[in-house]
Every structure is written in C-alpha cells, then in structure tokens.
Amino acid sequence: VTMNRSLSDATNGGEDHFFRWTGGSAGPKPAVAYQKLDDVLPDD
C-alpha cells in the first residue's frame, strides 16, 4: 500500500476507469456488457 506523495499535488493514486456500454439483455438471467477503457485520461 502507498500513501499520497504530496498533500497538494499527488498523482500516485488509484487509476480511474471508464466503461463503455456494449450490450444488455433482460429475462430471467439479465446481463450487461461493457468495454473497459483505461487510457481515456492522462496519468496526472
């Protein structure tokens, strides 16, 4: 585990993620699918 490298300009936290919707279904066994995107935002 790692604490923040600064109290005012830390950029070593956990990475953010986007999930783009690609499909879903209803019924007795509902489901949903996403494309996971990890490179949307710059690291800082």
ModelCIF file with pLDDT and N, C-alpha, C, O atoms, coordinates in Angstrom:
data_MODEL
#
_entry.id   MODEL 
#
_entity.id                         1 
_entity.type                       polymer 
_entity.pdbx_number_of_molecules   1 
#
_entity_poly.entity_id                      1 
_entity_poly.type                           'polypeptide(L)' 
_entity_poly.nstd_linkage                   no 
_entity_poly.nstd_monomer                   no 
_entity_poly.pdbx_seq_one_letter_code       VTMNRSLSDATNGGEDHFFRWTGGSAGPKPAVAYQKLDDVLPDD 
_entity_poly.pdbx_seq_one_letter_code_can   VTMNRSLSDATNGGEDHFFRWTGGSAGPKPAVAYQKLDDVLPDD 
_entity_poly.pdbx_strand_id                 A 
#
loop_
_entity_poly_seq.entity_id 
_entity_poly_seq.num 
_entity_poly_seq.mon_id 
_entity_poly_seq.hetero 
1 1  VAL n 
1 2  THR n 
1 3  MET n 
1 4  ASN n 
1 5  ARG n 
1 6  SER n 
1 7  LEU n 
1 8  SER n 
1 9  ASP n 
1 10 ALA n 
1 11 THR n 
1 12 ASN n 
1 13 GLY n 
1 14 GLY n 
1 15 GLU n 
1 16 ASP n 
1 17 HIS n 
1 18 PHE n 
1 19 PHE n 
1 20 ARG n 
1 21 TRP n 
1 22 THR n 
1 23 GLY n 
1 24 GLY n 
1 25 SER n 
1 26 ALA n 
1 27 GLY n 
1 28 PRO n 
1 29 LYS n 
1 30 PRO n 
1 31 ALA n 
1 32 VAL n 
1 33 ALA n 
1 34 TYR n 
1 35 GLN n 
1 36 LYS n 
1 37 LEU n 
1 38 ASP n 
1 39 ASP n 
1 40 VAL n 
1 41 LEU n 
1 42 PRO n 
1 43 ASP n 
1 44 ASP n 
#
_struct_asym.id          A 
_struct_asym.entity_id   1 
#
loop_
_ma_qa_metric.id 
_ma_qa_metric.mode 
_ma_qa_metric.name 
_ma_qa_metric.software_group_id 
_ma_qa_metric.type 
1 global pLDDT . pLDDT 
2 local  pLDDT . pLDDT 
#
_ma_qa_metric_global.metric_id      1 
_ma_qa_metric_global.metric_value   94.98 
_ma_qa_metric_global.model_id       1 
_ma_qa_metric_global.ordinal_id     1 
#
loop_
_ma_qa_metric_local.label_asym_id 
_ma_qa_metric_local.label_comp_id 
_ma_qa_metric_local.label_seq_id 
_ma_qa_metric_local.metric_id 
_ma_qa_metric_local.metric_value 
_ma_qa_metric_local.model_id 
_ma_qa_metric_local.ordinal_id 
A VAL 1  2 95.00 1 1  
A THR 2  2 93.00 1 2  
A MET 3  2 96.00 1 3  
A ASN 4  2 96.00 1 4  
A ARG 5  2 94.00 1 5  
A SER 6  2 94.00 1 6  
A LEU 7  2 92.00 1 7  
A SER 8  2 92.00 1 8  
A ASP 9  2 93.00 1 9  
A ALA 10 2 95.00 1 10 
A THR 11 2 96.00 1 11 
A ASN 12 2 96.00 1 12 
A GLY 13 2 97.00 1 13 
A GLY 14 2 97.00 1 14 
A GLU 15 2 97.00 1 15 
A ASP 16 2 97.00 1 16 
A HIS 17 2 98.00 1 17 
A PHE 18 2 98.00 1 18 
A PHE 19 2 98.00 1 19 
A ARG 20 2 98.00 1 20 
A TRP 21 2 98.00 1 21 
A THR 22 2 98.00 1 22 
A GLY 23 2 97.00 1 23 
A GLY 24 2 96.00 1 24 
A SER 25 2 94.00 1 25 
A ALA 26 2 91.00 1 26 
A GLY 27 2 87.00 1 27 
A PRO 28 2 87.00 1 28 
A LYS 29 2 91.00 1 29 
A PRO 30 2 95.00 1 30 
A ALA 31 2 97.00 1 31 
A VAL 32 2 98.00 1 32 
A ALA 33 2 98.00 1 33 
A TYR 34 2 98.00 1 34 
A GLN 35 2 98.00 1 35 
A LYS 36 2 97.00 1 36 
A LEU 37 2 95.00 1 37 
A ASP 38 2 90.00 1 38 
A ASP 39 2 90.00 1 39 
A VAL 40 2 97.00 1 40 
A LEU 41 2 97.00 1 41 
A PRO 42 2 94.00 1 42 
A ASP 43 2 92.00 1 43 
A ASP 44 2 92.00 1 44 
#
loop_
_atom_site.group_PDB 
_atom_site.id 
_atom_site.type_symbol 
_atom_site.label_atom_id 
_atom_site.label_alt_id 
_atom_site.label_comp_id 
_atom_site.label_asym_id 
_atom_site.label_entity_id 
_atom_site.label_seq_id 
_atom_site.pdbx_PDB_ins_code 
_atom_site.Cartn_x 
_atom_site.Cartn_y 
_atom_site.Cartn_z 
_atom_site.occupancy 
_atom_site.B_iso_or_equiv 
_atom_site.pdbx_formal_charge 
_atom_site.auth_seq_id 
_atom_site.auth_comp_id 
_atom_site.auth_asym_id 
_atom_site.auth_atom_id 
_atom_site.pdbx_PDB_model_num 
ATOM 1   N N  . VAL A 1 1  ? 0.849   -1.184  0.000   1.00 95.00 ? 1  VAL A N  1 
ATOM 2   C CA . VAL A 1 1  ? 0.000   0.000   0.000   1.00 95.00 ? 1  VAL A CA 1 
ATOM 3   C C  . VAL A 1 1  ? 0.889   1.239   0.000   1.00 95.00 ? 1  VAL A C  1 
ATOM 4   O O  . VAL A 1 1  ? 2.023   1.200   0.476   1.00 95.00 ? 1  VAL A O  1 
ATOM 5   N N  . THR A 1 2  ? 0.364   2.334   -0.536  1.00 93.00 ? 2  THR A N  1 
ATOM 6   C CA . THR A 1 2  ? 1.146   3.561   -0.666  1.00 93.00 ? 2  THR A CA 1 
ATOM 7   C C  . THR A 1 2  ? 0.285   4.763   -0.333  1.00 93.00 ? 2  THR A C  1 
ATOM 8   O O  . THR A 1 2  ? -0.851  4.858   -0.797  1.00 93.00 ? 2  THR A O  1 
ATOM 9   N N  . MET A 1 3  ? 0.809   5.683   0.464   1.00 96.00 ? 3  MET A N  1 
ATOM 10  C CA . MET A 1 3  ? 0.128   6.936   0.739   1.00 96.00 ? 3  MET A CA 1 
ATOM 11  C C  . MET A 1 3  ? 0.432   7.929   -0.389  1.00 96.00 ? 3  MET A C  1 
ATOM 12  O O  . MET A 1 3  ? 1.274   7.676   -1.251  1.00 96.00 ? 3  MET A O  1 
ATOM 13  N N  . ASN A 1 4  ? -0.265  9.047   -0.359  1.00 96.00 ? 4  ASN A N  1 
ATOM 14  C CA . ASN A 1 4  ? -0.083  10.089  -1.362  1.00 96.00 ? 4  ASN A CA 1 
ATOM 15  C C  . ASN A 1 4  ? 1.298   10.728  -1.243  1.00 96.00 ? 4  ASN A C  1 
ATOM 16  O O  . ASN A 1 4  ? 1.811   10.913  -0.139  1.00 96.00 ? 4  ASN A O  1 
ATOM 17  N N  . ARG A 1 5  ? 1.895   11.065  -2.388  1.00 94.00 ? 5  ARG A N  1 
ATOM 18  C CA . ARG A 1 5  ? 3.243   11.629  -2.406  1.00 94.00 ? 5  ARG A CA 1 
ATOM 19  C C  . ARG A 1 5  ? 3.273   13.128  -2.116  1.00 94.00 ? 5  ARG A C  1 
ATOM 20  O O  . ARG A 1 5  ? 4.344   13.731  -2.057  1.00 94.00 ? 5  ARG A O  1 
ATOM 21  N N  . SER A 1 6  ? 2.119   13.714  -1.938  1.00 94.00 ? 6  SER A N  1 
ATOM 22  C CA . SER A 1 6  ? 2.030   15.144  -1.652  1.00 94.00 ? 6  SER A CA 1 
ATOM 23  C C  . SER A 1 6  ? 0.664   15.405  -1.049  1.00 94.00 ? 6  SER A C  1 
ATOM 24  O O  . SER A 1 6  ? -0.268  14.627  -1.253  1.00 94.00 ? 6  SER A O  1 
ATOM 25  N N  . LEU A 1 7  ? 0.540   16.499  -0.303  1.00 92.00 ? 7  LEU A N  1 
ATOM 26  C CA . LEU A 1 7  ? -0.768  16.907  0.192   1.00 92.00 ? 7  LEU A CA 1 
ATOM 27  C C  . LEU A 1 7  ? -1.431  17.921  -0.729  1.00 92.00 ? 7  LEU A C  1 
ATOM 28  O O  . LEU A 1 7  ? -2.571  18.323  -0.493  1.00 92.00 ? 7  LEU A O  1 
ATOM 29  N N  . SER A 1 8  ? -0.720  18.338  -1.782  1.00 92.00 ? 8  SER A N  1 
ATOM 30  C CA . SER A 1 8  ? -1.288  19.350  -2.679  1.00 92.00 ? 8  SER A CA 1 
ATOM 31  C C  . SER A 1 8  ? -1.100  19.047  -4.149  1.00 92.00 ? 8  SER A C  1 
ATOM 32  O O  . SER A 1 8  ? -1.692  19.727  -4.987  1.00 92.00 ? 8  SER A O  1 
ATOM 33  N N  . ASP A 1 9  ? -0.286  18.034  -4.503  1.00 93.00 ? 9  ASP A N  1 
ATOM 34  C CA . ASP A 1 9  ? -0.044  17.754  -5.921  1.00 93.00 ? 9  ASP A CA 1 
ATOM 35  C C  . ASP A 1 9  ? 0.294   16.281  -6.134  1.00 93.00 ? 9  ASP A C  1 
ATOM 36  O O  . ASP A 1 9  ? 1.224   15.947  -6.868  1.00 93.00 ? 9  ASP A O  1 
ATOM 37  N N  . ALA A 1 10 ? -0.469  15.407  -5.487  1.00 95.00 ? 10 ALA A N  1 
ATOM 38  C CA . ALA A 1 10 ? -0.187  13.974  -5.576  1.00 95.00 ? 10 ALA A CA 1 
ATOM 39  C C  . ALA A 1 10 ? -0.848  13.375  -6.813  1.00 95.00 ? 10 ALA A C  1 
ATOM 40  O O  . ALA A 1 10 ? -2.015  13.647  -7.095  1.00 95.00 ? 10 ALA A O  1 
ATOM 41  N N  . THR A 1 11 ? -0.101  12.563  -7.545  1.00 96.00 ? 11 THR A N  1 
ATOM 42  C CA . THR A 1 11 ? -0.627  11.878  -8.734  1.00 96.00 ? 11 THR A CA 1 
ATOM 43  C C  . THR A 1 11 ? -0.239  10.402  -8.715  1.00 96.00 ? 11 THR A C  1 
ATOM 44  O O  . THR A 1 11 ? 0.019   9.808   -9.762  1.00 96.00 ? 11 THR A O  1 
ATOM 45  N N  . ASN A 1 12 ? -0.200  9.819   -7.527  1.00 96.00 ? 12 ASN A N  1 
ATOM 46  C CA . ASN A 1 12 ? 0.131   8.393   -7.407  1.00 96.00 ? 12 ASN A CA 1 
ATOM 47  C C  . ASN A 1 12 ? -1.020  7.605   -6.795  1.00 96.00 ? 12 ASN A C  1 
ATOM 48  O O  . ASN A 1 12 ? -0.800  6.598   -6.122  1.00 96.00 ? 12 ASN A O  1 
ATOM 49  N N  . GLY A 1 13 ? -2.247  8.064   -7.029  1.00 97.00 ? 13 GLY A N  1 
ATOM 50  C CA . GLY A 1 13 ? -3.413  7.354   -6.521  1.00 97.00 ? 13 GLY A CA 1 
ATOM 51  C C  . GLY A 1 13 ? -3.835  6.228   -7.440  1.00 97.00 ? 13 GLY A C  1 
ATOM 52  O O  . GLY A 1 13 ? -3.119  5.862   -8.372  1.00 97.00 ? 13 GLY A O  1 
ATOM 53  N N  . GLY A 1 14 ? -5.019  5.679   -7.159  1.00 97.00 ? 14 GLY A N  1 
ATOM 54  C CA . GLY A 1 14 ? -5.534  4.602   -7.986  1.00 97.00 ? 14 GLY A CA 1 
ATOM 55  C C  . GLY A 1 14 ? -5.966  5.090   -9.350  1.00 97.00 ? 14 GLY A C  1 
ATOM 56  O O  . GLY A 1 14 ? -6.391  6.236   -9.496  1.00 97.00 ? 14 GLY A O  1 
ATOM 57  N N  . GLU A 1 15 ? -5.863  4.238   -10.345 1.00 97.00 ? 15 GLU A N  1 
ATOM 58  C CA . GLU A 1 15 ? -6.206  4.607   -11.716 1.00 97.00 ? 15 GLU A CA 1 
ATOM 59  C C  . GLU A 1 15 ? -7.717  4.657   -11.903 1.00 97.00 ? 15 GLU A C  1 
ATOM 60  O O  . GLU A 1 15 ? -8.445  3.818   -11.372 1.00 97.00 ? 15 GLU A O  1 
ATOM 61  N N  . ASP A 1 16 ? -8.186  5.652   -12.666 1.00 97.00 ? 16 ASP A N  1 
ATOM 62  C CA . ASP A 1 16 ? -9.603  5.767   -12.990 1.00 97.00 ? 16 ASP A CA 1 
ATOM 63  C C  . ASP A 1 16 ? -9.927  4.919   -14.222 1.00 97.00 ? 16 ASP A C  1 
ATOM 64  O O  . ASP A 1 16 ? -9.063  4.656   -15.058 1.00 97.00 ? 16 ASP A O  1 
ATOM 65  N N  . HIS A 1 17 ? -11.197 4.495   -14.316 1.00 98.00 ? 17 HIS A N  1 
ATOM 66  C CA . HIS A 1 17 ? -11.603 3.624   -15.418 1.00 98.00 ? 17 HIS A CA 1 
ATOM 67  C C  . HIS A 1 17 ? -12.945 4.088   -15.989 1.00 98.00 ? 17 HIS A C  1 
ATOM 68  O O  . HIS A 1 17 ? -13.816 4.562   -15.259 1.00 98.00 ? 17 HIS A O  1 
ATOM 69  N N  . PHE A 1 18 ? -13.091 3.943   -17.296 1.00 98.00 ? 18 PHE A N  1 
ATOM 70  C CA . PHE A 1 18 ? -14.363 4.171   -17.979 1.00 98.00 ? 18 PHE A CA 1 
ATOM 71  C C  . PHE A 1 18 ? -14.861 2.839   -18.531 1.00 98.00 ? 18 PHE A C  1 
ATOM 72  O O  . PHE A 1 18 ? -14.080 1.974   -18.929 1.00 98.00 ? 18 PHE A O  1 
ATOM 73  N N  . PHE A 1 19 ? -16.184 2.704   -18.542 1.00 98.00 ? 19 PHE A N  1 
ATOM 74  C CA . PHE A 1 19 ? -16.813 1.507   -19.084 1.00 98.00 ? 19 PHE A CA 1 
ATOM 75  C C  . PHE A 1 19 ? -17.843 1.940   -20.118 1.00 98.00 ? 19 PHE A C  1 
ATOM 76  O O  . PHE A 1 19 ? -18.859 2.552   -19.788 1.00 98.00 ? 19 PHE A O  1 
ATOM 77  N N  . ARG A 1 20 ? -17.560 1.611   -21.375 1.00 98.00 ? 20 ARG A N  1 
ATOM 78  C CA . ARG A 1 20 ? -18.464 1.971   -22.473 1.00 98.00 ? 20 ARG A CA 1 
ATOM 79  C C  . ARG A 1 20 ? -19.456 0.835   -22.694 1.00 98.00 ? 20 ARG A C  1 
ATOM 80  O O  . ARG A 1 20 ? -19.072 -0.318  -22.889 1.00 98.00 ? 20 ARG A O  1 
ATOM 81  N N  . TRP A 1 21 ? -20.747 1.188   -22.658 1.00 98.00 ? 21 TRP A N  1 
ATOM 82  C CA . TRP A 1 21 ? -21.806 0.190   -22.782 1.00 98.00 ? 21 TRP A CA 1 
ATOM 83  C C  . TRP A 1 21 ? -21.767 -0.467  -24.158 1.00 98.00 ? 21 TRP A C  1 
ATOM 84  O O  . TRP A 1 21 ? -21.693 0.216   -25.179 1.00 98.00 ? 21 TRP A O  1 
ATOM 85  N N  . THR A 1 22 ? -21.817 -1.809  -24.175 1.00 98.00 ? 22 THR A N  1 
ATOM 86  C CA . THR A 1 22 ? -21.812 -2.531  -25.454 1.00 98.00 ? 22 THR A CA 1 
ATOM 87  C C  . THR A 1 22 ? -23.010 -3.453  -25.626 1.00 98.00 ? 22 THR A C  1 
ATOM 88  O O  . THR A 1 22 ? -23.239 -3.952  -26.727 1.00 98.00 ? 22 THR A O  1 
ATOM 89  N N  . GLY A 1 23 ? -23.784 -3.694  -24.565 1.00 97.00 ? 23 GLY A N  1 
ATOM 90  C CA . GLY A 1 23 ? -24.954 -4.552  -24.738 1.00 97.00 ? 23 GLY A CA 1 
ATOM 91  C C  . GLY A 1 23 ? -25.574 -4.930  -23.411 1.00 97.00 ? 23 GLY A C  1 
ATOM 92  O O  . GLY A 1 23 ? -24.931 -4.866  -22.363 1.00 97.00 ? 23 GLY A O  1 
ATOM 93  N N  . GLY A 1 24 ? -26.826 -5.324  -23.472 1.00 96.00 ? 24 GLY A N  1 
ATOM 94  C CA . GLY A 1 24 ? -27.535 -5.761  -22.281 1.00 96.00 ? 24 GLY A CA 1 
ATOM 95  C C  . GLY A 1 24 ? -28.727 -6.609  -22.679 1.00 96.00 ? 24 GLY A C  1 
ATOM 96  O O  . GLY A 1 24 ? -29.213 -6.525  -23.807 1.00 96.00 ? 24 GLY A O  1 
ATOM 97  N N  . SER A 1 25 ? -29.197 -7.428  -21.744 1.00 94.00 ? 25 SER A N  1 
ATOM 98  C CA . SER A 1 25 ? -30.349 -8.272  -22.020 1.00 94.00 ? 25 SER A CA 1 
ATOM 99  C C  . SER A 1 25 ? -31.195 -8.395  -20.760 1.00 94.00 ? 25 SER A C  1 
ATOM 100 O O  . SER A 1 25 ? -30.691 -8.275  -19.643 1.00 94.00 ? 25 SER A O  1 
ATOM 101 N N  . ALA A 1 26 ? -32.489 -8.635  -20.956 1.00 91.00 ? 26 ALA A N  1 
ATOM 102 C CA . ALA A 1 26 ? -33.416 -8.798  -19.848 1.00 91.00 ? 26 ALA A CA 1 
ATOM 103 C C  . ALA A 1 26 ? -33.701 -10.289 -19.662 1.00 91.00 ? 26 ALA A C  1 
ATOM 104 O O  . ALA A 1 26 ? -32.882 -11.130 -20.032 1.00 91.00 ? 26 ALA A O  1 
ATOM 105 N N  . GLY A 1 27 ? -34.852 -10.614 -19.092 1.00 87.00 ? 27 GLY A N  1 
ATOM 106 C CA . GLY A 1 27 ? -35.222 -12.003 -18.919 1.00 87.00 ? 27 GLY A CA 1 
ATOM 107 C C  . GLY A 1 27 ? -34.838 -12.533 -17.548 1.00 87.00 ? 27 GLY A C  1 
ATOM 108 O O  . GLY A 1 27 ? -34.354 -11.777 -16.705 1.00 87.00 ? 27 GLY A O  1 
ATOM 109 N N  . PRO A 1 28 ? -35.046 -13.811 -17.318 1.00 87.00 ? 28 PRO A N  1 
ATOM 110 C CA . PRO A 1 28 ? -34.777 -14.409 -16.002 1.00 87.00 ? 28 PRO A CA 1 
ATOM 111 C C  . PRO A 1 28 ? -33.306 -14.359 -15.607 1.00 87.00 ? 28 PRO A C  1 
ATOM 112 O O  . PRO A 1 28 ? -32.980 -14.403 -14.421 1.00 87.00 ? 28 PRO A O  1 
ATOM 113 N N  . LYS A 1 29 ? -32.417 -14.266 -16.596 1.00 91.00 ? 29 LYS A N  1 
ATOM 114 C CA . LYS A 1 29 ? -30.991 -14.121 -16.315 1.00 91.00 ? 29 LYS A CA 1 
ATOM 115 C C  . LYS A 1 29 ? -30.483 -12.843 -16.987 1.00 91.00 ? 29 LYS A C  1 
ATOM 116 O O  . LYS A 1 29 ? -29.808 -12.915 -18.014 1.00 91.00 ? 29 LYS A O  1 
ATOM 117 N N  . PRO A 1 30 ? -30.799 -11.677 -16.422 1.00 95.00 ? 30 PRO A N  1 
ATOM 118 C CA . PRO A 1 30 ? -30.393 -10.413 -17.051 1.00 95.00 ? 30 PRO A CA 1 
ATOM 119 C C  . PRO A 1 30 ? -28.875 -10.295 -17.089 1.00 95.00 ? 30 PRO A C  1 
ATOM 120 O O  . PRO A 1 30 ? -28.170 -10.849 -16.245 1.00 95.00 ? 30 PRO A O  1 
ATOM 121 N N  . ALA A 1 31 ? -28.387 -9.558  -18.090 1.00 97.00 ? 31 ALA A N  1 
ATOM 122 C CA . ALA A 1 31 ? -26.943 -9.415  -18.269 1.00 97.00 ? 31 ALA A CA 1 
ATOM 123 C C  . ALA A 1 31 ? -26.643 -8.044  -18.851 1.00 97.00 ? 31 ALA A C  1 
ATOM 124 O O  . ALA A 1 31 ? -27.519 -7.396  -19.424 1.00 97.00 ? 31 ALA A O  1 
ATOM 125 N N  . VAL A 1 32 ? -25.396 -7.609  -18.699 1.00 98.00 ? 32 VAL A N  1 
ATOM 126 C CA . VAL A 1 32 ? -24.942 -6.357  -19.283 1.00 98.00 ? 32 VAL A CA 1 
ATOM 127 C C  . VAL A 1 32 ? -23.458 -6.496  -19.590 1.00 98.00 ? 32 VAL A C  1 
ATOM 128 O O  . VAL A 1 32 ? -22.732 -7.205  -18.893 1.00 98.00 ? 32 VAL A O  1 
ATOM 129 N N  . ALA A 1 33 ? -23.015 -5.810  -20.647 1.00 98.00 ? 33 ALA A N  1 
ATOM 130 C CA . ALA A 1 33 ? -21.614 -5.906  -21.067 1.00 98.00 ? 33 ALA A CA 1 
ATOM 131 C C  . ALA A 1 33 ? -21.062 -4.511  -21.332 1.00 98.00 ? 33 ALA A C  1 
ATOM 132 O O  . ALA A 1 33 ? -21.756 -3.637  -21.852 1.00 98.00 ? 33 ALA A O  1 
ATOM 133 N N  . TYR A 1 34 ? -19.795 -4.322  -20.962 1.00 98.00 ? 34 TYR A N  1 
ATOM 134 C CA . TYR A 1 34 ? -19.105 -3.049  -21.164 1.00 98.00 ? 34 TYR A CA 1 
ATOM 135 C C  . TYR A 1 34 ? -17.712 -3.292  -21.727 1.00 98.00 ? 34 TYR A C  1 
ATOM 136 O O  . TYR A 1 34 ? -17.108 -4.344  -21.514 1.00 98.00 ? 34 TYR A O  1 
ATOM 137 N N  . GLN A 1 35 ? -17.222 -2.297  -22.449 1.00 98.00 ? 35 GLN A N  1 
ATOM 138 C CA . GLN A 1 35 ? -15.824 -2.280  -22.852 1.00 98.00 ? 35 GLN A CA 1 
ATOM 139 C C  . GLN A 1 35 ? -15.062 -1.437  -21.843 1.00 98.00 ? 35 GLN A C  1 
ATOM 140 O O  . GLN A 1 35 ? -15.350 -0.250  -21.690 1.00 98.00 ? 35 GLN A O  1 
ATOM 141 N N  . LYS A 1 36 ? -14.095 -2.028  -21.153 1.00 97.00 ? 36 LYS A N  1 
ATOM 142 C CA . LYS A 1 36 ? -13.313 -1.316  -20.146 1.00 97.00 ? 36 LYS A CA 1 
ATOM 143 C C  . LYS A 1 36 ? -12.227 -0.503  -20.829 1.00 97.00 ? 36 LYS A C  1 
ATOM 144 O O  . LYS A 1 36 ? -11.447 -1.033  -21.620 1.00 97.00 ? 36 LYS A O  1 
ATOM 145 N N  . LEU A 1 37 ? -12.178 0.802   -20.516 1.00 95.00 ? 37 LEU A N  1 
ATOM 146 C CA . LEU A 1 37 ? -11.222 1.719   -21.117 1.00 95.00 ? 37 LEU A CA 1 
ATOM 147 C C  . LEU A 1 37 ? -10.324 2.292   -20.028 1.00 95.00 ? 37 LEU A C  1 
ATOM 148 O O  . LEU A 1 37 ? -10.816 2.884   -19.068 1.00 95.00 ? 37 LEU A O  1 
ATOM 149 N N  . ASP A 1 38 ? -9.014  2.121   -20.170 1.00 90.00 ? 38 ASP A N  1 
ATOM 150 C CA . ASP A 1 38 ? -8.072  2.569   -19.142 1.00 90.00 ? 38 ASP A CA 1 
ATOM 151 C C  . ASP A 1 38 ? -7.174  3.712   -19.597 1.00 90.00 ? 38 ASP A C  1 
ATOM 152 O O  . ASP A 1 38 ? -6.369  4.203   -18.806 1.00 90.00 ? 38 ASP A O  1 
ATOM 153 N N  . ASP A 1 39 ? -7.287  4.151   -20.856 1.00 90.00 ? 39 ASP A N  1 
ATOM 154 C CA . ASP A 1 39 ? -6.363  5.157   -21.371 1.00 90.00 ? 39 ASP A CA 1 
ATOM 155 C C  . ASP A 1 39 ? -7.084  6.439   -21.777 1.00 90.00 ? 39 ASP A C  1 
ATOM 156 O O  . ASP A 1 39 ? -6.599  7.182   -22.631 1.00 90.00 ? 39 ASP A O  1 
ATOM 157 N N  . VAL A 1 40 ? -8.236  6.701   -21.169 1.00 97.00 ? 40 VAL A N  1 
ATOM 158 C CA . VAL A 1 40 ? -9.005  7.880   -21.553 1.00 97.00 ? 40 VAL A CA 1 
ATOM 159 C C  . VAL A 1 40 ? -8.351  9.155   -21.031 1.00 97.00 ? 40 VAL A C  1 
ATOM 160 O O  . VAL A 1 40 ? -8.319  10.165  -21.734 1.00 97.00 ? 40 VAL A O  1 
ATOM 161 N N  . LEU A 1 41 ? -7.829  9.120   -19.805 1.00 97.00 ? 41 LEU A N  1 
ATOM 162 C CA . LEU A 1 41 ? -7.286  10.305  -19.159 1.00 97.00 ? 41 LEU A CA 1 
ATOM 163 C C  . LEU A 1 41 ? -5.767  10.200  -19.031 1.00 97.00 ? 41 LEU A C  1 
ATOM 164 O O  . LEU A 1 41 ? -5.242  9.095   -18.898 1.00 97.00 ? 41 LEU A O  1 
ATOM 165 N N  . PRO A 1 42 ? -5.048  11.325  -19.067 1.00 94.00 ? 42 PRO A N  1 
ATOM 166 C CA . PRO A 1 42 ? -3.599  11.277  -18.817 1.00 94.00 ? 42 PRO A CA 1 
ATOM 167 C C  . PRO A 1 42 ? -3.326  10.861  -17.379 1.00 94.00 ? 42 PRO A C  1 
ATOM 168 O O  . PRO A 1 42 ? -4.186  11.013  -16.512 1.00 94.00 ? 42 PRO A O  1 
ATOM 169 N N  . ASP A 1 43 ? -2.119  10.330  -17.122 1.00 92.00 ? 43 ASP A N  1 
ATOM 170 C CA . ASP A 1 43 ? -1.799  9.767   -15.814 1.00 92.00 ? 43 ASP A CA 1 
ATOM 171 C C  . ASP A 1 43 ? -1.950  10.775  -14.687 1.00 92.00 ? 43 ASP A C  1 
ATOM 172 O O  . ASP A 1 43 ? -2.407  10.416  -13.601 1.00 92.00 ? 43 ASP A O  1 
ATOM 173 N N  . ASP A 1 44 ? -1.572  12.046  -14.920 1.00 92.00 ? 44 ASP A N  1 
ATOM 174 C CA . ASP A 1 44 ? -1.625  13.012  -13.826 1.00 92.00 ? 44 ASP A CA 1 
ATOM 175 C C  . ASP A 1 44 ? -3.060  13.331  -13.420 1.00 92.00 ? 44 ASP A C  1 
ATOM 176 O O  . ASP A 1 44 ? -3.280  14.130  -12.510 1.00 92.00 ? 44 ASP A O  1 
#
